[in-house]
Each structure stands twice: as C-alpha cells, then as structure tokens.
Amino acid sequence: MLKILTLAGGVAGAVALSQFPEFSQQYLQRLSGAVDELRTQVVAFDTLATAAGITREEALAELDGSTFQSGLQAHFGEQVHRYERLSADYTALRQAEPLQRLAQFWRFDDPDLAQRTWDDFRPAVPVTTDGLICAGIGFAGGWLALTLLFGLLMRPFRRFA
C-alpha cells in the first residue's frame, strides 16, 4: 500500500512540475509587459527631474510636505523600486533556459504577476525536453517526499531487535 501511495506522490509531483516550463514562459511574458510599463513611468519621472536640474533621488525628496506630495513620493518611490527589481528579474530569466529558470524560482516573487499568470494558465501535456525533465524531477521529489513522510510516520511502529 505504501508503495502505491509513494508512486502516486511521484506521479503527482511529475504532473505538477512538468507544467513549470510553460508557466515560466507565460510569467516571463507578463514580466516583460510590466517592465515596459514601469520603464515608461520611471523614464517620465527621470525626464521631469532632469528638466528641473535635479536627480531622481532629489526629486523624490522634494515630494515631501503635504499629504498629496507625500503620497506622490511614496507612489513614485515604490514604482522605481518595483521597476528596478522586476527589470533585474526579467533580465536574468530572459537569458535562462527553462531548467535554469527552475533553479531561479525566487525570481517569480511578484505576487500580482504570479497570480495573474496562474489565473490564465491552462495545464498542458509536456512535450518539450524541458517539460519531461521537470516531470522527472517532480516525480523524484514527490516520491521522495512521501517515502520520507511515511518512513517517519511508521517509525514508532517498527520493532527494534
């Protein structure tokens, strides 16, 4: 019975992880769009600052005073920070193959982009080498996880000679 359950865990892991290459591709496309949109905003802000003869940091510092100005300061500060973070993630993920993206899973950390990608994602049969390799890794991970879990759960019931 335990062998069947661990095999089922392996199959579940294979099915789940085999979807990663396509999910990562769709996330990368959304990430590209987000970076493009944020770039437009940051360039416009930087252009206004340059026209005023000040740096981005000085422009942000000048947006402190009234409630409205403080709100603008926080908004533009967050936009600049998000642009820099997403731009770095996009550059790294764009240059990576799907299996390399798997090793950089922490770069899929934008909750809004991940949720919108997941909402539109439709699982598919993996027919690429990357999908099959991910399926193999998922199978091994699922099988190993359940084997270890059942081993720990059964430990108190084993006889010690």
N, C-alpha and C. Protein backbone atom coordinates (compact mmCIF):
# COMPACT_ATOMS: atom_id res chain seq x y z
N MET A 1 0.81 -1.19 0.00
CA MET A 1 0.00 0.00 0.00
C MET A 1 0.86 1.26 0.00
N LEU A 2 1.93 1.26 0.81
CA LEU A 2 2.80 2.42 0.87
C LEU A 2 3.51 2.66 -0.47
N LYS A 3 3.84 1.57 -1.16
CA LYS A 3 4.49 1.73 -2.47
C LYS A 3 3.55 2.39 -3.46
N ILE A 4 2.28 2.04 -3.40
CA ILE A 4 1.30 2.65 -4.31
C ILE A 4 1.15 4.13 -3.99
N LEU A 5 1.11 4.46 -2.70
CA LEU A 5 0.96 5.86 -2.31
C LEU A 5 2.20 6.68 -2.69
N THR A 6 3.39 6.12 -2.50
CA THR A 6 4.59 6.86 -2.88
C THR A 6 4.68 7.00 -4.40
N LEU A 7 4.24 6.00 -5.13
CA LEU A 7 4.18 6.10 -6.59
C LEU A 7 3.20 7.19 -7.00
N ALA A 8 2.05 7.25 -6.33
CA ALA A 8 1.07 8.30 -6.61
C ALA A 8 1.66 9.68 -6.31
N GLY A 9 2.43 9.78 -5.24
CA GLY A 9 3.10 11.04 -4.93
C GLY A 9 4.09 11.42 -6.01
N GLY A 10 4.80 10.43 -6.53
CA GLY A 10 5.73 10.69 -7.62
C GLY A 10 5.02 11.17 -8.87
N VAL A 11 3.91 10.53 -9.19
CA VAL A 11 3.14 10.93 -10.37
C VAL A 11 2.58 12.34 -10.18
N ALA A 12 2.07 12.63 -9.00
CA ALA A 12 1.54 13.97 -8.73
C ALA A 12 2.64 15.03 -8.86
N GLY A 13 3.80 14.72 -8.34
CA GLY A 13 4.94 15.65 -8.48
C GLY A 13 5.34 15.83 -9.92
N ALA A 14 5.32 14.74 -10.69
CA ALA A 14 5.68 14.82 -12.11
C ALA A 14 4.70 15.69 -12.88
N VAL A 15 3.43 15.46 -12.64
CA VAL A 15 2.40 16.24 -13.34
C VAL A 15 2.53 17.72 -12.97
N ALA A 16 2.69 18.01 -11.70
CA ALA A 16 2.76 19.40 -11.25
C ALA A 16 4.00 20.11 -11.80
N LEU A 17 5.16 19.52 -11.64
CA LEU A 17 6.39 20.20 -12.04
C LEU A 17 6.58 20.22 -13.56
N SER A 18 5.93 19.31 -14.27
CA SER A 18 6.06 19.31 -15.73
C SER A 18 5.45 20.57 -16.33
N GLN A 19 4.61 21.25 -15.59
CA GLN A 19 3.96 22.46 -16.08
C GLN A 19 4.84 23.71 -15.91
N PHE A 20 5.92 23.59 -15.16
CA PHE A 20 6.74 24.76 -14.86
C PHE A 20 7.30 25.46 -16.09
N PRO A 21 7.84 24.75 -17.09
CA PRO A 21 8.39 25.47 -18.24
C PRO A 21 7.37 26.39 -18.93
N GLU A 22 6.15 25.92 -19.11
CA GLU A 22 5.13 26.75 -19.75
C GLU A 22 4.70 27.88 -18.83
N PHE A 23 4.53 27.59 -17.54
CA PHE A 23 4.17 28.65 -16.59
C PHE A 23 5.25 29.72 -16.57
N SER A 24 6.52 29.30 -16.55
CA SER A 24 7.60 30.28 -16.50
C SER A 24 7.63 31.13 -17.77
N GLN A 25 7.31 30.54 -18.91
CA GLN A 25 7.26 31.29 -20.16
C GLN A 25 6.15 32.35 -20.11
N GLN A 26 5.00 31.96 -19.61
CA GLN A 26 3.89 32.90 -19.52
C GLN A 26 4.17 34.00 -18.49
N TYR A 27 4.81 33.63 -17.38
CA TYR A 27 5.19 34.62 -16.37
C TYR A 27 6.20 35.60 -16.97
N LEU A 28 7.14 35.08 -17.75
CA LEU A 28 8.16 35.93 -18.38
C LEU A 28 7.51 36.93 -19.33
N GLN A 29 6.49 36.51 -20.06
CA GLN A 29 5.79 37.43 -20.97
C GLN A 29 5.09 38.53 -20.18
N ARG A 30 4.44 38.18 -19.09
CA ARG A 30 3.79 39.20 -18.25
C ARG A 30 4.83 40.12 -17.61
N LEU A 31 5.93 39.53 -17.18
CA LEU A 31 7.01 40.31 -16.57
C LEU A 31 7.55 41.34 -17.57
N SER A 32 7.70 40.94 -18.81
CA SER A 32 8.17 41.85 -19.85
C SER A 32 7.22 43.03 -20.00
N GLY A 33 5.93 42.76 -20.03
CA GLY A 33 4.95 43.84 -20.14
C GLY A 33 4.98 44.77 -18.94
N ALA A 34 5.13 44.21 -17.75
CA ALA A 34 5.18 45.03 -16.54
C ALA A 34 6.42 45.91 -16.54
N VAL A 35 7.56 45.36 -16.95
CA VAL A 35 8.80 46.13 -17.00
C VAL A 35 8.67 47.26 -18.02
N ASP A 36 8.08 46.97 -19.18
CA ASP A 36 7.89 48.02 -20.19
C ASP A 36 7.01 49.16 -19.66
N GLU A 37 5.94 48.81 -18.99
CA GLU A 37 5.04 49.83 -18.45
C GLU A 37 5.73 50.65 -17.35
N LEU A 38 6.42 49.99 -16.46
CA LEU A 38 7.12 50.70 -15.39
C LEU A 38 8.25 51.56 -15.95
N ARG A 39 8.93 51.08 -16.99
CA ARG A 39 10.01 51.85 -17.62
C ARG A 39 9.47 53.19 -18.12
N THR A 40 8.29 53.16 -18.73
CA THR A 40 7.67 54.39 -19.23
C THR A 40 7.47 55.39 -18.09
N GLN A 41 6.98 54.92 -16.96
CA GLN A 41 6.74 55.80 -15.82
C GLN A 41 8.04 56.34 -15.22
N VAL A 42 9.03 55.46 -15.09
CA VAL A 42 10.29 55.87 -14.48
C VAL A 42 11.04 56.84 -15.40
N VAL A 43 11.02 56.58 -16.70
CA VAL A 43 11.68 57.49 -17.65
C VAL A 43 11.01 58.86 -17.62
N ALA A 44 9.69 58.89 -17.56
CA ALA A 44 8.97 60.17 -17.49
C ALA A 44 9.34 60.92 -16.22
N PHE A 45 9.40 60.23 -15.10
CA PHE A 45 9.77 60.87 -13.84
C PHE A 45 11.21 61.39 -13.91
N ASP A 46 12.12 60.56 -14.42
CA ASP A 46 13.52 60.97 -14.54
C ASP A 46 13.67 62.16 -15.49
N THR A 47 12.89 62.18 -16.55
CA THR A 47 12.94 63.29 -17.51
C THR A 47 12.51 64.59 -16.84
N LEU A 48 11.43 64.53 -16.07
CA LEU A 48 10.97 65.71 -15.34
C LEU A 48 12.02 66.18 -14.34
N ALA A 49 12.66 65.24 -13.66
CA ALA A 49 13.69 65.61 -12.69
C ALA A 49 14.89 66.25 -13.39
N THR A 50 15.30 65.67 -14.50
CA THR A 50 16.43 66.21 -15.26
C THR A 50 16.10 67.61 -15.78
N ALA A 51 14.88 67.80 -16.28
CA ALA A 51 14.46 69.12 -16.77
C ALA A 51 14.50 70.16 -15.66
N ALA A 52 14.27 69.72 -14.43
CA ALA A 52 14.32 70.63 -13.28
C ALA A 52 15.74 70.78 -12.75
N GLY A 53 16.68 70.04 -13.34
CA GLY A 53 18.08 70.14 -12.92
C GLY A 53 18.41 69.38 -11.66
N ILE A 54 17.63 68.34 -11.36
CA ILE A 54 17.88 67.56 -10.14
C ILE A 54 17.90 66.07 -10.49
N THR A 55 18.40 65.27 -9.56
CA THR A 55 18.45 63.82 -9.74
C THR A 55 17.12 63.20 -9.33
N ARG A 56 16.96 61.94 -9.62
CA ARG A 56 15.75 61.20 -9.22
C ARG A 56 15.57 61.25 -7.71
N GLU A 57 16.66 61.01 -6.97
CA GLU A 57 16.59 60.99 -5.51
C GLU A 57 16.20 62.36 -4.96
N GLU A 58 16.76 63.42 -5.56
CA GLU A 58 16.42 64.77 -5.12
C GLU A 58 14.95 65.08 -5.43
N ALA A 59 14.47 64.64 -6.59
CA ALA A 59 13.06 64.85 -6.96
C ALA A 59 12.14 64.13 -5.97
N LEU A 60 12.50 62.90 -5.61
CA LEU A 60 11.69 62.17 -4.63
C LEU A 60 11.70 62.88 -3.28
N ALA A 61 12.86 63.40 -2.90
CA ALA A 61 12.97 64.09 -1.61
C ALA A 61 12.13 65.38 -1.61
N GLU A 62 12.04 66.05 -2.76
CA GLU A 62 11.24 67.28 -2.85
C GLU A 62 9.75 67.00 -2.77
N LEU A 63 9.36 65.77 -3.02
CA LEU A 63 7.94 65.41 -2.96
C LEU A 63 7.53 65.06 -1.53
N ASP A 64 8.01 65.82 -0.59
CA ASP A 64 7.65 65.59 0.80
C ASP A 64 7.12 66.89 1.36
N GLY A 65 6.02 66.86 1.98
CA GLY A 65 5.43 68.07 2.53
C GLY A 65 3.97 67.84 2.83
N SER A 66 3.14 68.13 1.86
CA SER A 66 1.71 67.94 2.06
C SER A 66 1.37 66.45 1.96
N THR A 67 0.17 66.13 2.35
CA THR A 67 -0.30 64.75 2.26
C THR A 67 -0.25 64.26 0.82
N PHE A 68 -0.67 65.13 -0.09
CA PHE A 68 -0.66 64.79 -1.52
C PHE A 68 0.77 64.53 -2.00
N GLN A 69 1.68 65.42 -1.66
CA GLN A 69 3.08 65.26 -2.08
C GLN A 69 3.70 64.01 -1.48
N SER A 70 3.40 63.75 -0.22
CA SER A 70 3.93 62.54 0.41
C SER A 70 3.39 61.28 -0.26
N GLY A 71 2.11 61.35 -0.67
CA GLY A 71 1.53 60.23 -1.41
C GLY A 71 2.21 60.01 -2.74
N LEU A 72 2.50 61.12 -3.45
CA LEU A 72 3.24 61.01 -4.72
C LEU A 72 4.64 60.46 -4.50
N GLN A 73 5.28 60.93 -3.45
CA GLN A 73 6.63 60.46 -3.13
C GLN A 73 6.62 58.96 -2.90
N ALA A 74 5.67 58.47 -2.11
CA ALA A 74 5.59 57.03 -1.84
C ALA A 74 5.28 56.26 -3.11
N HIS A 75 4.34 56.77 -3.90
CA HIS A 75 3.96 56.09 -5.15
C HIS A 75 5.14 55.98 -6.11
N PHE A 76 5.80 57.10 -6.39
CA PHE A 76 6.90 57.06 -7.34
C PHE A 76 8.09 56.28 -6.79
N GLY A 77 8.32 56.37 -5.49
CA GLY A 77 9.39 55.57 -4.88
C GLY A 77 9.14 54.09 -5.05
N GLU A 78 7.88 53.66 -4.83
CA GLU A 78 7.53 52.25 -5.00
C GLU A 78 7.64 51.82 -6.46
N GLN A 79 7.22 52.69 -7.38
CA GLN A 79 7.29 52.37 -8.81
C GLN A 79 8.73 52.20 -9.26
N VAL A 80 9.61 53.10 -8.82
CA VAL A 80 11.03 53.00 -9.18
C VAL A 80 11.62 51.71 -8.61
N HIS A 81 11.32 51.42 -7.35
CA HIS A 81 11.85 50.21 -6.72
C HIS A 81 11.33 48.95 -7.43
N ARG A 82 10.04 48.94 -7.74
CA ARG A 82 9.46 47.77 -8.43
C ARG A 82 10.05 47.62 -9.82
N TYR A 83 10.24 48.73 -10.52
CA TYR A 83 10.85 48.68 -11.85
C TYR A 83 12.25 48.07 -11.78
N GLU A 84 13.06 48.53 -10.84
CA GLU A 84 14.43 48.03 -10.73
C GLU A 84 14.44 46.53 -10.40
N ARG A 85 13.56 46.13 -9.49
CA ARG A 85 13.50 44.71 -9.10
C ARG A 85 13.01 43.84 -10.25
N LEU A 86 11.90 44.23 -10.88
CA LEU A 86 11.36 43.42 -11.98
C LEU A 86 12.27 43.42 -13.19
N SER A 87 12.93 44.53 -13.44
CA SER A 87 13.85 44.60 -14.57
C SER A 87 15.02 43.63 -14.37
N ALA A 88 15.54 43.56 -13.15
CA ALA A 88 16.63 42.62 -12.85
C ALA A 88 16.15 41.18 -13.00
N ASP A 89 14.94 40.90 -12.51
CA ASP A 89 14.38 39.55 -12.65
C ASP A 89 14.18 39.20 -14.11
N TYR A 90 13.64 40.14 -14.89
CA TYR A 90 13.39 39.88 -16.30
C TYR A 90 14.69 39.60 -17.05
N THR A 91 15.70 40.40 -16.80
CA THR A 91 16.99 40.19 -17.47
C THR A 91 17.55 38.81 -17.16
N ALA A 92 17.51 38.42 -15.90
CA ALA A 92 18.04 37.11 -15.51
C ALA A 92 17.21 35.96 -16.10
N LEU A 93 15.88 36.07 -16.04
CA LEU A 93 15.02 34.99 -16.53
C LEU A 93 15.01 34.90 -18.05
N ARG A 94 15.11 36.03 -18.72
CA ARG A 94 15.10 36.04 -20.18
C ARG A 94 16.32 35.32 -20.74
N GLN A 95 17.43 35.43 -20.06
CA GLN A 95 18.67 34.80 -20.52
C GLN A 95 18.75 33.33 -20.14
N ALA A 96 17.85 32.87 -19.30
CA ALA A 96 17.91 31.50 -18.77
C ALA A 96 17.02 30.55 -19.58
N GLU A 97 17.47 29.33 -19.72
CA GLU A 97 16.65 28.27 -20.29
C GLU A 97 15.61 27.86 -19.24
N PRO A 98 14.53 27.17 -19.66
CA PRO A 98 13.50 26.79 -18.68
C PRO A 98 14.03 26.05 -17.45
N LEU A 99 14.98 25.14 -17.63
CA LEU A 99 15.50 24.43 -16.47
C LEU A 99 16.35 25.34 -15.58
N GLN A 100 17.01 26.32 -16.19
CA GLN A 100 17.74 27.29 -15.39
C GLN A 100 16.78 28.20 -14.63
N ARG A 101 15.61 28.46 -15.22
CA ARG A 101 14.60 29.25 -14.51
C ARG A 101 14.11 28.51 -13.28
N LEU A 102 14.01 27.19 -13.38
CA LEU A 102 13.60 26.38 -12.24
C LEU A 102 14.57 26.57 -11.08
N ALA A 103 15.85 26.70 -11.39
CA ALA A 103 16.86 26.91 -10.36
C ALA A 103 16.84 28.34 -9.82
N GLN A 104 16.09 29.24 -10.47
CA GLN A 104 15.98 30.63 -10.02
C GLN A 104 14.54 30.94 -9.62
N PHE A 105 13.90 29.99 -8.96
CA PHE A 105 12.48 30.12 -8.61
C PHE A 105 12.18 31.37 -7.80
N TRP A 106 13.13 31.89 -7.05
CA TRP A 106 12.90 33.07 -6.22
C TRP A 106 12.62 34.32 -7.07
N ARG A 107 12.93 34.28 -8.35
CA ARG A 107 12.69 35.42 -9.22
C ARG A 107 11.22 35.52 -9.66
N PHE A 108 10.41 34.53 -9.29
CA PHE A 108 8.98 34.54 -9.59
C PHE A 108 8.22 35.06 -8.37
N ASP A 109 8.70 36.15 -7.79
CA ASP A 109 8.22 36.59 -6.48
C ASP A 109 7.24 37.75 -6.52
N ASP A 110 6.84 38.20 -7.69
CA ASP A 110 5.88 39.30 -7.73
C ASP A 110 4.48 38.70 -7.60
N PRO A 111 3.81 38.93 -6.47
CA PRO A 111 2.53 38.26 -6.24
C PRO A 111 1.46 38.60 -7.28
N ASP A 112 1.43 39.85 -7.72
CA ASP A 112 0.43 40.26 -8.70
C ASP A 112 0.65 39.54 -10.04
N LEU A 113 1.88 39.55 -10.52
CA LEU A 113 2.18 38.88 -11.79
C LEU A 113 1.97 37.37 -11.70
N ALA A 114 2.40 36.78 -10.60
CA ALA A 114 2.24 35.33 -10.44
C ALA A 114 0.76 34.96 -10.39
N GLN A 115 -0.04 35.74 -9.68
CA GLN A 115 -1.47 35.44 -9.57
C GLN A 115 -2.17 35.59 -10.92
N ARG A 116 -1.86 36.67 -11.65
CA ARG A 116 -2.50 36.87 -12.96
C ARG A 116 -2.04 35.80 -13.96
N THR A 117 -0.79 35.37 -13.86
CA THR A 117 -0.32 34.29 -14.73
C THR A 117 -1.06 33.00 -14.39
N TRP A 118 -1.17 32.71 -13.10
CA TRP A 118 -1.86 31.50 -12.66
C TRP A 118 -3.34 31.51 -13.06
N ASP A 119 -3.98 32.68 -12.96
CA ASP A 119 -5.39 32.79 -13.31
C ASP A 119 -5.64 32.42 -14.77
N ASP A 120 -4.71 32.76 -15.65
CA ASP A 120 -4.88 32.49 -17.09
C ASP A 120 -4.20 31.21 -17.54
N PHE A 121 -3.44 30.58 -16.66
CA PHE A 121 -2.67 29.39 -17.05
C PHE A 121 -3.57 28.18 -17.25
N ARG A 122 -3.30 27.43 -18.30
CA ARG A 122 -4.01 26.19 -18.58
C ARG A 122 -2.97 25.08 -18.71
N PRO A 123 -3.05 24.06 -17.86
CA PRO A 123 -2.08 22.97 -17.94
C PRO A 123 -2.11 22.30 -19.31
N ALA A 124 -0.95 21.79 -19.69
CA ALA A 124 -0.83 21.12 -20.98
C ALA A 124 0.10 19.92 -20.82
N VAL A 125 0.02 19.02 -21.75
CA VAL A 125 0.91 17.86 -21.74
C VAL A 125 2.32 18.33 -22.12
N PRO A 126 3.33 18.03 -21.29
CA PRO A 126 4.68 18.49 -21.59
C PRO A 126 5.28 17.67 -22.73
N VAL A 127 5.59 18.31 -23.83
CA VAL A 127 6.18 17.60 -24.95
C VAL A 127 7.58 18.09 -25.26
N THR A 128 8.07 19.03 -24.49
CA THR A 128 9.44 19.50 -24.68
C THR A 128 10.37 18.72 -23.76
N THR A 129 11.62 18.74 -24.09
CA THR A 129 12.62 18.09 -23.24
C THR A 129 12.62 18.71 -21.85
N ASP A 130 12.52 20.02 -21.81
CA ASP A 130 12.49 20.70 -20.50
C ASP A 130 11.30 20.25 -19.67
N GLY A 131 10.12 20.11 -20.31
CA GLY A 131 8.93 19.64 -19.60
C GLY A 131 9.10 18.23 -19.08
N LEU A 132 9.70 17.37 -19.88
CA LEU A 132 9.92 15.98 -19.46
C LEU A 132 10.95 15.89 -18.33
N ILE A 133 11.98 16.71 -18.42
CA ILE A 133 12.99 16.72 -17.34
C ILE A 133 12.36 17.23 -16.04
N CYS A 134 11.57 18.30 -16.15
CA CYS A 134 10.87 18.81 -14.97
C CYS A 134 9.92 17.75 -14.41
N ALA A 135 9.27 16.99 -15.30
CA ALA A 135 8.39 15.91 -14.84
C ALA A 135 9.19 14.88 -14.06
N GLY A 136 10.37 14.54 -14.56
CA GLY A 136 11.23 13.58 -13.85
C GLY A 136 11.66 14.09 -12.49
N ILE A 137 12.03 15.36 -12.44
CA ILE A 137 12.42 15.95 -11.16
C ILE A 137 11.22 15.96 -10.21
N GLY A 138 10.05 16.30 -10.74
CA GLY A 138 8.84 16.32 -9.92
C GLY A 138 8.48 14.93 -9.42
N PHE A 139 8.64 13.92 -10.28
CA PHE A 139 8.35 12.54 -9.87
C PHE A 139 9.27 12.14 -8.72
N ALA A 140 10.56 12.40 -8.90
CA ALA A 140 11.53 12.03 -7.85
C ALA A 140 11.23 12.79 -6.55
N GLY A 141 10.90 14.09 -6.67
CA GLY A 141 10.61 14.87 -5.48
C GLY A 141 9.36 14.40 -4.76
N GLY A 142 8.29 14.12 -5.52
CA GLY A 142 7.05 13.64 -4.91
C GLY A 142 7.21 12.28 -4.28
N TRP A 143 7.90 11.39 -4.98
CA TRP A 143 8.14 10.04 -4.46
C TRP A 143 8.98 10.12 -3.19
N LEU A 144 10.05 10.90 -3.23
CA LEU A 144 10.95 11.01 -2.08
C LEU A 144 10.23 11.64 -0.88
N ALA A 145 9.44 12.68 -1.13
CA ALA A 145 8.73 13.35 -0.04
C ALA A 145 7.79 12.38 0.67
N LEU A 146 7.02 11.60 -0.08
CA LEU A 146 6.09 10.67 0.56
C LEU A 146 6.82 9.49 1.20
N THR A 147 7.90 9.05 0.59
CA THR A 147 8.69 7.98 1.19
C THR A 147 9.22 8.42 2.56
N LEU A 148 9.76 9.63 2.62
CA LEU A 148 10.28 10.14 3.89
C LEU A 148 9.15 10.35 4.91
N LEU A 149 8.03 10.89 4.46
CA LEU A 149 6.90 11.13 5.35
C LEU A 149 6.39 9.81 5.93
N PHE A 150 6.16 8.83 5.08
CA PHE A 150 5.67 7.54 5.56
C PHE A 150 6.71 6.84 6.43
N GLY A 151 7.97 7.02 6.10
CA GLY A 151 9.04 6.44 6.94
C GLY A 151 9.01 7.01 8.34
N LEU A 152 8.81 8.33 8.43
CA LEU A 152 8.73 8.96 9.74
C LEU A 152 7.47 8.56 10.50
N LEU A 153 6.36 8.47 9.79
CA LEU A 153 5.11 8.07 10.45
C LEU A 153 5.13 6.62 10.92
N MET A 154 5.81 5.76 10.19
CA MET A 154 5.84 4.33 10.53
C MET A 154 6.93 3.99 11.55
N ARG A 155 7.85 4.92 11.77
CA ARG A 155 8.97 4.65 12.66
C ARG A 155 8.55 4.17 14.05
N PRO A 156 7.56 4.76 14.70
CA PRO A 156 7.18 4.28 16.05
C PRO A 156 6.62 2.85 16.05
N PHE A 157 6.15 2.39 14.90
CA PHE A 157 5.53 1.07 14.86
C PHE A 157 6.50 -0.05 14.48
N ARG A 158 7.74 0.29 14.20
CA ARG A 158 8.73 -0.72 13.84
C ARG A 158 9.23 -1.40 15.09
N ARG A 159 9.58 -2.65 14.92
CA ARG A 159 10.17 -3.41 16.03
C ARG A 159 11.67 -3.19 16.06
N PHE A 160 12.18 -3.04 17.23
CA PHE A 160 13.62 -2.91 17.38
C PHE A 160 14.13 -4.22 17.94
N ALA A 161 15.08 -4.81 17.27
CA ALA A 161 15.61 -6.12 17.70
C ALA A 161 16.85 -5.95 18.53
